[in-house]
N, C-alpha and C. Protein backbone atom coordinates (compact mmCIF):
# COMPACT_ATOMS: atom_id res chain seq x y z
N MET A 1 0.82 -1.19 0.00
CA MET A 1 0.00 0.00 0.00
C MET A 1 0.85 1.24 0.00
N ARG A 2 2.06 1.12 0.50
CA ARG A 2 2.94 2.29 0.51
C ARG A 2 3.90 2.21 -0.66
N GLY A 3 4.03 3.33 -1.36
CA GLY A 3 4.98 3.42 -2.45
C GLY A 3 6.28 4.04 -1.95
N ALA A 4 7.12 4.43 -2.86
CA ALA A 4 8.39 5.06 -2.49
C ALA A 4 8.10 6.31 -1.67
N GLY A 5 8.86 6.51 -0.61
CA GLY A 5 8.68 7.68 0.23
C GLY A 5 7.51 7.57 1.19
N GLY A 6 6.87 6.38 1.27
CA GLY A 6 5.80 6.18 2.22
C GLY A 6 4.43 6.65 1.75
N ASP A 7 4.30 7.12 0.51
CA ASP A 7 3.00 7.56 0.03
C ASP A 7 2.12 6.36 -0.29
N VAL A 8 0.80 6.55 -0.22
CA VAL A 8 -0.14 5.48 -0.53
C VAL A 8 -0.38 5.47 -2.03
N ARG A 9 -0.27 4.28 -2.63
CA ARG A 9 -0.43 4.16 -4.08
C ARG A 9 -1.89 3.99 -4.46
N HIS A 10 -2.26 4.56 -5.60
CA HIS A 10 -3.60 4.42 -6.15
C HIS A 10 -3.48 4.02 -7.61
N ASP A 11 -2.72 2.95 -7.88
CA ASP A 11 -2.42 2.61 -9.27
C ASP A 11 -3.28 1.48 -9.82
N CYS A 12 -4.32 1.07 -9.10
CA CYS A 12 -5.09 -0.08 -9.54
C CYS A 12 -6.53 0.07 -9.07
N PHE A 13 -7.46 -0.28 -9.91
CA PHE A 13 -8.87 -0.30 -9.53
C PHE A 13 -9.38 -1.72 -9.57
N MET A 14 -10.36 -2.03 -8.74
CA MET A 14 -10.85 -3.38 -8.57
C MET A 14 -11.76 -3.79 -9.71
N VAL A 15 -11.80 -5.08 -9.92
CA VAL A 15 -12.76 -5.67 -10.84
C VAL A 15 -13.61 -6.64 -10.00
N LEU A 16 -14.28 -6.11 -9.01
CA LEU A 16 -15.18 -6.87 -8.15
C LEU A 16 -16.53 -6.17 -8.20
N ALA A 17 -17.59 -6.96 -8.23
CA ALA A 17 -18.93 -6.38 -8.17
C ALA A 17 -19.35 -6.32 -6.71
N PHE A 18 -19.93 -5.20 -6.31
CA PHE A 18 -20.38 -5.02 -4.94
C PHE A 18 -21.87 -4.71 -4.93
N SER A 19 -22.56 -5.13 -3.87
CA SER A 19 -23.97 -4.79 -3.73
C SER A 19 -24.09 -3.32 -3.37
N GLU A 20 -25.33 -2.86 -3.26
CA GLU A 20 -25.58 -1.46 -2.91
C GLU A 20 -25.18 -1.15 -1.47
N GLU A 21 -24.82 -2.18 -0.69
CA GLU A 21 -24.37 -1.99 0.68
C GLU A 21 -22.92 -1.51 0.76
N TRP A 22 -22.23 -1.48 -0.38
CA TRP A 22 -20.81 -1.16 -0.43
C TRP A 22 -20.55 0.06 -1.31
N VAL A 23 -19.55 0.84 -0.94
CA VAL A 23 -19.07 1.94 -1.79
C VAL A 23 -17.75 1.47 -2.39
N PRO A 24 -17.72 1.22 -3.71
CA PRO A 24 -16.48 0.75 -4.31
C PRO A 24 -15.50 1.89 -4.57
N ARG A 25 -14.25 1.55 -4.64
CA ARG A 25 -13.20 2.51 -4.99
C ARG A 25 -13.46 2.99 -6.41
N SER A 26 -13.35 4.28 -6.62
CA SER A 26 -13.54 4.85 -7.95
C SER A 26 -12.75 6.16 -8.02
N ALA A 27 -12.67 6.71 -9.21
CA ALA A 27 -11.97 7.99 -9.37
C ALA A 27 -12.63 9.06 -8.50
N GLU A 28 -13.97 8.98 -8.35
CA GLU A 28 -14.69 9.98 -7.57
C GLU A 28 -14.50 9.79 -6.06
N SER A 29 -14.12 8.60 -5.64
CA SER A 29 -14.02 8.32 -4.20
C SER A 29 -12.58 8.24 -3.70
N LEU A 30 -11.60 8.62 -4.51
CA LEU A 30 -10.20 8.47 -4.11
C LEU A 30 -9.86 9.20 -2.81
N GLU A 31 -10.41 10.38 -2.62
CA GLU A 31 -10.12 11.13 -1.39
C GLU A 31 -10.59 10.35 -0.16
N GLN A 32 -11.77 9.79 -0.23
CA GLN A 32 -12.31 8.99 0.86
C GLN A 32 -11.45 7.74 1.10
N PHE A 33 -11.02 7.10 0.03
CA PHE A 33 -10.22 5.90 0.16
C PHE A 33 -8.79 6.21 0.63
N THR A 34 -8.29 7.38 0.32
CA THR A 34 -7.00 7.80 0.86
C THR A 34 -7.08 7.87 2.38
N ALA A 35 -8.18 8.41 2.90
CA ALA A 35 -8.37 8.49 4.36
C ALA A 35 -8.50 7.09 4.96
N LEU A 36 -9.24 6.20 4.31
CA LEU A 36 -9.38 4.82 4.80
C LEU A 36 -8.02 4.12 4.84
N GLU A 37 -7.24 4.29 3.79
CA GLU A 37 -5.93 3.64 3.72
C GLU A 37 -4.97 4.21 4.76
N ALA A 38 -5.05 5.51 5.00
CA ALA A 38 -4.18 6.12 6.01
C ALA A 38 -4.51 5.56 7.39
N GLU A 39 -5.81 5.41 7.70
CA GLU A 39 -6.21 4.82 8.97
C GLU A 39 -5.77 3.36 9.05
N LEU A 40 -5.91 2.63 7.98
CA LEU A 40 -5.48 1.23 7.96
C LEU A 40 -3.99 1.11 8.24
N VAL A 41 -3.18 1.96 7.64
CA VAL A 41 -1.73 1.95 7.88
C VAL A 41 -1.44 2.22 9.35
N ARG A 42 -2.15 3.21 9.93
CA ARG A 42 -1.94 3.53 11.35
C ARG A 42 -2.30 2.34 12.24
N GLU A 43 -3.42 1.68 11.95
CA GLU A 43 -3.90 0.60 12.81
C GLU A 43 -3.09 -0.69 12.69
N LEU A 44 -2.58 -0.99 11.51
CA LEU A 44 -1.91 -2.27 11.31
C LEU A 44 -0.60 -2.40 12.09
N GLY A 45 0.20 -1.37 12.09
CA GLY A 45 1.48 -1.49 12.77
C GLY A 45 2.34 -2.58 12.11
N ARG A 46 3.52 -2.78 12.63
CA ARG A 46 4.45 -3.70 11.95
C ARG A 46 4.24 -5.16 12.33
N ASP A 47 3.52 -5.45 13.44
CA ASP A 47 3.35 -6.82 13.90
C ASP A 47 2.05 -7.47 13.47
N HIS A 48 1.16 -6.72 12.86
CA HIS A 48 -0.13 -7.26 12.44
C HIS A 48 0.06 -8.22 11.26
N PRO A 49 -0.72 -9.29 11.18
CA PRO A 49 -0.58 -10.24 10.07
C PRO A 49 -0.76 -9.62 8.68
N LEU A 50 -1.45 -8.50 8.57
CA LEU A 50 -1.64 -7.84 7.26
C LEU A 50 -0.58 -6.77 6.97
N ALA A 51 0.31 -6.51 7.92
CA ALA A 51 1.33 -5.48 7.71
C ALA A 51 2.10 -5.76 6.43
N ASP A 52 2.23 -4.75 5.60
CA ASP A 52 2.96 -4.81 4.33
C ASP A 52 2.36 -5.79 3.33
N ARG A 53 1.12 -6.21 3.53
CA ARG A 53 0.47 -7.12 2.58
C ARG A 53 -0.64 -6.45 1.79
N VAL A 54 -1.11 -5.27 2.22
CA VAL A 54 -2.25 -4.62 1.60
C VAL A 54 -1.81 -3.75 0.42
N ARG A 55 -2.42 -3.99 -0.73
CA ARG A 55 -2.16 -3.15 -1.91
C ARG A 55 -3.02 -1.89 -1.84
N LEU A 56 -4.32 -2.06 -1.62
CA LEU A 56 -5.22 -0.90 -1.56
C LEU A 56 -6.58 -1.30 -1.04
N ALA A 57 -7.35 -0.30 -0.63
CA ALA A 57 -8.74 -0.51 -0.21
C ALA A 57 -9.62 -0.54 -1.45
N ALA A 58 -10.46 -1.55 -1.55
CA ALA A 58 -11.29 -1.74 -2.73
C ALA A 58 -12.71 -1.22 -2.54
N ALA A 59 -13.24 -1.33 -1.30
CA ALA A 59 -14.61 -0.90 -1.03
C ALA A 59 -14.78 -0.74 0.47
N ARG A 60 -15.79 0.06 0.84
CA ARG A 60 -16.14 0.19 2.25
C ARG A 60 -17.62 -0.10 2.40
N HIS A 61 -17.96 -0.70 3.52
CA HIS A 61 -19.35 -1.05 3.80
C HIS A 61 -20.07 0.18 4.34
N LEU A 62 -21.28 0.42 3.88
CA LEU A 62 -22.02 1.61 4.28
C LEU A 62 -22.44 1.60 5.75
N ALA A 63 -22.78 0.43 6.28
CA ALA A 63 -23.36 0.37 7.62
C ALA A 63 -22.40 -0.13 8.69
N SER A 64 -21.13 -0.29 8.35
CA SER A 64 -20.17 -0.78 9.34
C SER A 64 -18.80 -0.16 9.06
N ASP A 65 -17.82 -0.54 9.86
CA ASP A 65 -16.46 -0.04 9.68
C ASP A 65 -15.61 -1.04 8.90
N ARG A 66 -16.24 -1.84 8.08
CA ARG A 66 -15.51 -2.86 7.33
C ARG A 66 -15.08 -2.34 5.97
N VAL A 67 -13.88 -2.80 5.59
CA VAL A 67 -13.28 -2.39 4.33
C VAL A 67 -12.76 -3.64 3.62
N VAL A 68 -13.04 -3.75 2.33
CA VAL A 68 -12.45 -4.82 1.52
C VAL A 68 -11.13 -4.30 1.00
N VAL A 69 -10.06 -5.07 1.21
CA VAL A 69 -8.74 -4.67 0.71
C VAL A 69 -8.22 -5.72 -0.26
N GLN A 70 -7.47 -5.25 -1.23
CA GLN A 70 -6.76 -6.16 -2.13
C GLN A 70 -5.35 -6.31 -1.60
N LEU A 71 -4.90 -7.55 -1.51
CA LEU A 71 -3.56 -7.84 -1.02
C LEU A 71 -2.59 -7.89 -2.18
N HIS A 72 -1.31 -7.83 -1.89
CA HIS A 72 -0.29 -7.85 -2.93
C HIS A 72 -0.30 -9.13 -3.76
N ASN A 73 -0.83 -10.22 -3.21
CA ASN A 73 -0.90 -11.48 -3.95
C ASN A 73 -2.20 -11.60 -4.75
N ASP A 74 -2.91 -10.49 -4.94
CA ASP A 74 -4.16 -10.41 -5.68
C ASP A 74 -5.31 -11.16 -5.03
N ARG A 75 -5.19 -11.45 -3.75
CA ARG A 75 -6.29 -12.00 -2.98
C ARG A 75 -6.93 -10.83 -2.22
N TYR A 76 -8.05 -11.09 -1.58
CA TYR A 76 -8.80 -10.04 -0.89
C TYR A 76 -8.99 -10.40 0.57
N ALA A 77 -9.18 -9.37 1.39
CA ALA A 77 -9.46 -9.55 2.81
C ALA A 77 -10.51 -8.53 3.24
N LEU A 78 -11.25 -8.89 4.28
CA LEU A 78 -12.24 -8.00 4.87
C LEU A 78 -11.68 -7.55 6.22
N VAL A 79 -11.52 -6.24 6.39
CA VAL A 79 -10.90 -5.67 7.59
C VAL A 79 -11.93 -4.83 8.33
N HIS A 80 -12.01 -5.00 9.65
CA HIS A 80 -12.91 -4.20 10.48
C HIS A 80 -12.08 -3.14 11.20
N LEU A 81 -12.07 -1.92 10.66
CA LEU A 81 -11.30 -0.83 11.24
C LEU A 81 -11.84 -0.46 12.63
N THR A 82 -10.95 -0.02 13.50
CA THR A 82 -11.36 0.42 14.84
C THR A 82 -11.45 1.95 14.92
N TRP A 83 -10.81 2.65 14.00
CA TRP A 83 -10.75 4.11 13.99
C TRP A 83 -10.11 4.67 15.25
N SER A 84 -9.12 3.95 15.77
CA SER A 84 -8.41 4.41 16.96
C SER A 84 -7.29 5.39 16.61
N GLY A 85 -6.84 5.36 15.36
CA GLY A 85 -5.77 6.25 14.94
C GLY A 85 -4.38 5.79 15.38
N ARG A 86 -4.26 4.53 15.84
CA ARG A 86 -2.96 4.05 16.31
C ARG A 86 -2.83 2.55 16.02
N ALA A 87 -1.60 2.06 16.10
CA ALA A 87 -1.33 0.64 15.91
C ALA A 87 -2.08 -0.15 16.96
N GLU A 88 -2.67 -1.25 16.54
CA GLU A 88 -3.53 -2.03 17.42
C GLU A 88 -2.94 -3.39 17.79
N GLY A 89 -1.68 -3.65 17.44
CA GLY A 89 -1.07 -4.94 17.74
C GLY A 89 -1.48 -6.00 16.74
N THR A 90 -1.45 -7.25 17.15
CA THR A 90 -1.73 -8.35 16.22
C THR A 90 -3.21 -8.73 16.19
N GLN A 91 -3.99 -8.36 17.20
CA GLN A 91 -5.40 -8.78 17.27
C GLN A 91 -6.36 -7.83 16.55
N PHE A 92 -5.99 -6.58 16.46
CA PHE A 92 -6.87 -5.58 15.84
C PHE A 92 -6.08 -4.78 14.82
N PRO A 93 -6.68 -4.33 13.75
CA PRO A 93 -8.07 -4.58 13.41
C PRO A 93 -8.29 -6.06 13.06
N ARG A 94 -9.50 -6.53 13.39
CA ARG A 94 -9.87 -7.90 13.03
C ARG A 94 -10.01 -7.98 11.52
N TRP A 95 -9.74 -9.17 10.99
CA TRP A 95 -9.80 -9.33 9.54
C TRP A 95 -10.05 -10.80 9.22
N GLU A 96 -10.50 -11.03 8.00
CA GLU A 96 -10.63 -12.38 7.49
C GLU A 96 -10.25 -12.38 6.02
N GLU A 97 -9.53 -13.40 5.62
CA GLU A 97 -9.15 -13.50 4.21
C GLU A 97 -10.37 -13.96 3.41
N LEU A 98 -10.60 -13.29 2.28
CA LEU A 98 -11.73 -13.62 1.42
C LEU A 98 -11.33 -14.51 0.25
N GLY A 99 -10.06 -14.52 -0.10
CA GLY A 99 -9.58 -15.36 -1.19
C GLY A 99 -9.46 -14.61 -2.50
N SER A 100 -9.59 -15.37 -3.58
CA SER A 100 -9.49 -14.81 -4.93
C SER A 100 -10.67 -13.88 -5.20
N ALA A 101 -10.66 -13.22 -6.33
CA ALA A 101 -11.76 -12.31 -6.68
C ALA A 101 -13.09 -13.06 -6.70
N ASP A 102 -13.12 -14.26 -7.29
CA ASP A 102 -14.36 -15.05 -7.32
C ASP A 102 -14.80 -15.46 -5.93
N ASP A 103 -13.85 -15.93 -5.12
CA ASP A 103 -14.17 -16.32 -3.75
C ASP A 103 -14.64 -15.11 -2.94
N ALA A 104 -13.96 -13.97 -3.12
CA ALA A 104 -14.33 -12.76 -2.39
C ALA A 104 -15.75 -12.33 -2.74
N ALA A 105 -16.11 -12.38 -4.02
CA ALA A 105 -17.46 -12.00 -4.43
C ALA A 105 -18.50 -12.86 -3.74
N ALA A 106 -18.27 -14.18 -3.68
CA ALA A 106 -19.21 -15.09 -3.02
C ALA A 106 -19.27 -14.81 -1.52
N ARG A 107 -18.14 -14.60 -0.89
CA ARG A 107 -18.10 -14.35 0.56
C ARG A 107 -18.77 -13.03 0.91
N LEU A 108 -18.65 -12.02 0.03
CA LEU A 108 -19.30 -10.73 0.30
C LEU A 108 -20.81 -10.83 0.17
N ILE A 109 -21.29 -11.68 -0.72
CA ILE A 109 -22.74 -11.93 -0.81
C ILE A 109 -23.22 -12.55 0.50
N GLU A 110 -22.46 -13.52 1.02
CA GLU A 110 -22.81 -14.13 2.32
C GLU A 110 -22.78 -13.08 3.43
N PHE A 111 -21.78 -12.20 3.41
CA PHE A 111 -21.69 -11.13 4.42
C PHE A 111 -22.93 -10.25 4.35
N ASP A 112 -23.32 -9.84 3.13
CA ASP A 112 -24.50 -9.00 2.96
C ASP A 112 -25.74 -9.70 3.48
N ASP A 113 -25.86 -11.00 3.23
CA ASP A 113 -27.02 -11.75 3.68
C ASP A 113 -27.09 -11.80 5.21
N ARG A 114 -25.93 -11.91 5.87
CA ARG A 114 -25.89 -11.94 7.34
C ARG A 114 -26.15 -10.56 7.94
N TRP A 115 -25.71 -9.53 7.25
CA TRP A 115 -25.81 -8.18 7.78
C TRP A 115 -27.25 -7.75 7.76
C-alpha cells in the first residue's frame, strides 16, 4: 500500500462487483479511500498479520467499519477498522481472508445476507 517515500499508491482499480451496501473505490471516491488507507496503515502497525500485505482498499461497507482490501498477492481480505488512529497490535483490526476475486465476491454476498 505504501509506495516510495511512504505515500499510498492508487495505481489499480478493482474488478469486483459489490452490492448497494458497499461503496467501491472509484476515481470519484479516491479522497475517501486515501483516508481509509491512512487509517489502515496507522492501525496495522508492523506486527499485524496484514502489515505490508495490503495493496489498496477496494470498497467500504455503508453500515459498518468494514473495508475490503486487495492484497499484494491479488487476494482479498475483509478488515474491520477500529478508527483508533494508532497501531492495534496483532489482534486488531480484526480481519478475514476472502480469497481470490471469485471467492471474495461469493463471501461478500454471504456477508451482505448476514448483515
